[in-house]
């Protein structure tokens, strides 16, 4: 399987790359979603494909949740509409 087309320019990895508290989640998510079997389920990719990569909130995780220690309540409505239903 090839890497996600957005992997090298993903703002989430750029934002949290030097944050040791986010190291484990980034590793897990990149192996599952960016380079792995769950790529088709990635919410970040879905938002980027639908609204453009610049519309993907930096703290949106591939599973549709907010990054640990952050909240998603400020995300635009068009992004929220693409999130999985709880």
C-alpha atoms as a PDB file:
ATOM      1  CA  UNK A   1       0.000   0.000   0.000  1.00  0.00           C
ATOM      2  CA  UNK A   2       1.308   3.441  -0.837  1.00  0.00           C
ATOM      3  CA  UNK A   3       1.385   6.334   1.621  1.00  0.00           C
ATOM      4  CA  UNK A   4      -1.474   8.796   1.783  1.00  0.00           C
ATOM      5  CA  UNK A   5      -0.982  11.519  -0.850  1.00  0.00           C
ATOM      6  CA  UNK A   6      -1.186  14.137   1.925  1.00  0.00           C
ATOM      7  CA  UNK A   7       1.300  12.452   4.272  1.00  0.00           C
ATOM      8  CA  UNK A   8       4.369  14.562   3.488  1.00  0.00           C
ATOM      9  CA  UNK A   9       2.457  17.855   3.712  1.00  0.00           C
ATOM     10  CA  UNK A  10       0.120  17.002   6.592  1.00  0.00           C
ATOM     11  CA  UNK A  11      -0.216  19.942   8.975  1.00  0.00           C
ATOM     12  CA  UNK A  12      -0.871  17.636  11.947  1.00  0.00           C
ATOM     13  CA  UNK A  13       2.589  16.084  11.718  1.00  0.00           C
ATOM     14  CA  UNK A  14       4.224  19.460  11.216  1.00  0.00           C
ATOM     15  CA  UNK A  15       2.398  20.969  14.204  1.00  0.00           C
ATOM     16  CA  UNK A  16       3.058  18.158  16.670  1.00  0.00           C
ATOM     17  CA  UNK A  17       6.392  16.749  15.407  1.00  0.00           C
ATOM     18  CA  UNK A  18       8.406  18.160  18.298  1.00  0.00           C
ATOM     19  CA  UNK A  19       5.834  17.504  21.023  1.00  0.00           C
ATOM     20  CA  UNK A  20       6.967  14.439  22.987  1.00  0.00           C
ATOM     21  CA  UNK A  21       3.482  13.994  24.483  1.00  0.00           C
ATOM     22  CA  UNK A  22       2.066  13.482  20.971  1.00  0.00           C
ATOM     23  CA  UNK A  23       4.832  11.170  19.716  1.00  0.00           C
ATOM     24  CA  UNK A  24       3.036   7.872  20.436  1.00  0.00           C
ATOM     25  CA  UNK A  25      -0.350   8.872  18.973  1.00  0.00           C
ATOM     26  CA  UNK A  26       1.309  10.247  15.821  1.00  0.00           C
ATOM     27  CA  UNK A  27       3.268   7.025  15.350  1.00  0.00           C
ATOM     28  CA  UNK A  28       0.190   4.845  15.821  1.00  0.00           C
ATOM     29  CA  UNK A  29      -2.046   6.930  13.569  1.00  0.00           C
ATOM     30  CA  UNK A  30       0.571   7.210  10.824  1.00  0.00           C
ATOM     31  CA  UNK A  31       1.018   3.435  10.738  1.00  0.00           C
ATOM     32  CA  UNK A  32      -2.717   2.716  10.760  1.00  0.00           C
ATOM     33  CA  UNK A  33      -4.030   5.484   8.526  1.00  0.00           C
ATOM     34  CA  UNK A  34      -1.272   7.247   6.584  1.00  0.00           C
ATOM     35  CA  UNK A  35       0.715   4.167   5.640  1.00  0.00           C
ATOM     36  CA  UNK A  36      -1.606   1.355   6.558  1.00  0.00           C
ATOM     37  CA  UNK A  37      -4.841  -0.533   6.161  1.00  0.00           C
ATOM     38  CA  UNK A  38      -7.163   2.190   7.489  1.00  0.00           C
ATOM     39  CA  UNK A  39      -6.209   4.837   4.927  1.00  0.00           C
ATOM     40  CA  UNK A  40      -9.640   4.662   3.274  1.00  0.00           C
ATOM     41  CA  UNK A  41     -11.261   5.410   6.666  1.00  0.00           C
ATOM     42  CA  UNK A  42      -9.113   8.482   7.409  1.00  0.00           C
ATOM     43  CA  UNK A  43     -11.261  11.490   8.257  1.00  0.00           C
ATOM     44  CA  UNK A  44      -8.371  13.902   7.596  1.00  0.00           C
ATOM     45  CA  UNK A  45      -8.109  12.525   4.041  1.00  0.00           C
ATOM     46  CA  UNK A  46     -11.887  12.724   3.631  1.00  0.00           C
ATOM     47  CA  UNK A  47     -11.888  16.400   4.659  1.00  0.00           C
ATOM     48  CA  UNK A  48      -8.888  17.174   2.436  1.00  0.00           C
ATOM     49  CA  UNK A  49     -10.475  15.435  -0.557  1.00  0.00           C
ATOM     50  CA  UNK A  50     -13.812  17.206  -0.017  1.00  0.00           C
ATOM     51  CA  UNK A  51     -12.798  20.680   1.138  1.00  0.00           C
ATOM     52  CA  UNK A  52      -9.094  20.991   0.334  1.00  0.00           C
ATOM     53  CA  UNK A  53      -6.084  20.182   2.479  1.00  0.00           C
ATOM     54  CA  UNK A  54      -5.989  23.718   3.881  1.00  0.00           C
ATOM     55  CA  UNK A  55      -9.430  23.075   5.455  1.00  0.00           C
ATOM     56  CA  UNK A  56      -8.246  20.186   7.629  1.00  0.00           C
ATOM     57  CA  UNK A  57      -8.015  21.326  11.266  1.00  0.00           C
ATOM     58  CA  UNK A  58      -4.492  20.762  12.575  1.00  0.00           C
ATOM     59  CA  UNK A  59      -5.805  18.920  15.655  1.00  0.00           C
ATOM     60  CA  UNK A  60      -8.200  16.612  13.773  1.00  0.00           C
ATOM     61  CA  UNK A  61      -7.049  13.014  14.177  1.00  0.00           C
ATOM     62  CA  UNK A  62      -7.546  10.447  11.412  1.00  0.00           C
ATOM     63  CA  UNK A  63     -10.329   8.806  13.442  1.00  0.00           C
ATOM     64  CA  UNK A  64     -12.317  12.064  13.625  1.00  0.00           C
ATOM     65  CA  UNK A  65     -11.461  12.914  17.232  1.00  0.00           C
ATOM     66  CA  UNK A  66      -9.507  15.924  18.469  1.00  0.00           C
ATOM     67  CA  UNK A  67      -5.825  15.506  19.356  1.00  0.00           C
ATOM     68  CA  UNK A  68      -5.198  14.672  22.993  1.00  0.00           C
ATOM     69  CA  UNK A  69      -5.302  17.856  25.052  1.00  0.00           C
ATOM     70  CA  UNK A  70      -7.269  19.806  22.419  1.00  0.00           C
ATOM     71  CA  UNK A  71     -10.904  20.284  21.481  1.00  0.00           C
ATOM     72  CA  UNK A  72     -12.741  20.249  18.182  1.00  0.00           C
ATOM     73  CA  UNK A  73     -15.537  22.609  19.099  1.00  0.00           C
ATOM     74  CA  UNK A  74     -14.011  25.387  16.983  1.00  0.00           C
ATOM     75  CA  UNK A  75     -13.965  23.328  13.802  1.00  0.00           C
ATOM     76  CA  UNK A  76     -15.990  24.750  10.897  1.00  0.00           C
ATOM     77  CA  UNK A  77     -19.446  23.286  10.297  1.00  0.00           C
ATOM     78  CA  UNK A  78     -18.465  21.944   6.861  1.00  0.00           C
ATOM     79  CA  UNK A  79     -15.734  19.894   8.572  1.00  0.00           C
ATOM     80  CA  UNK A  80     -18.070  18.699  11.342  1.00  0.00           C
ATOM     81  CA  UNK A  81     -20.539  17.429   8.715  1.00  0.00           C
ATOM     82  CA  UNK A  82     -17.863  15.035   7.429  1.00  0.00           C
ATOM     83  CA  UNK A  83     -17.133  13.515  10.845  1.00  0.00           C
ATOM     84  CA  UNK A  84     -18.417  10.047  11.708  1.00  0.00           C
ATOM     85  CA  UNK A  85     -21.673   9.986  13.626  1.00  0.00           C
ATOM     86  CA  UNK A  86     -21.259   9.106  17.298  1.00  0.00           C
END
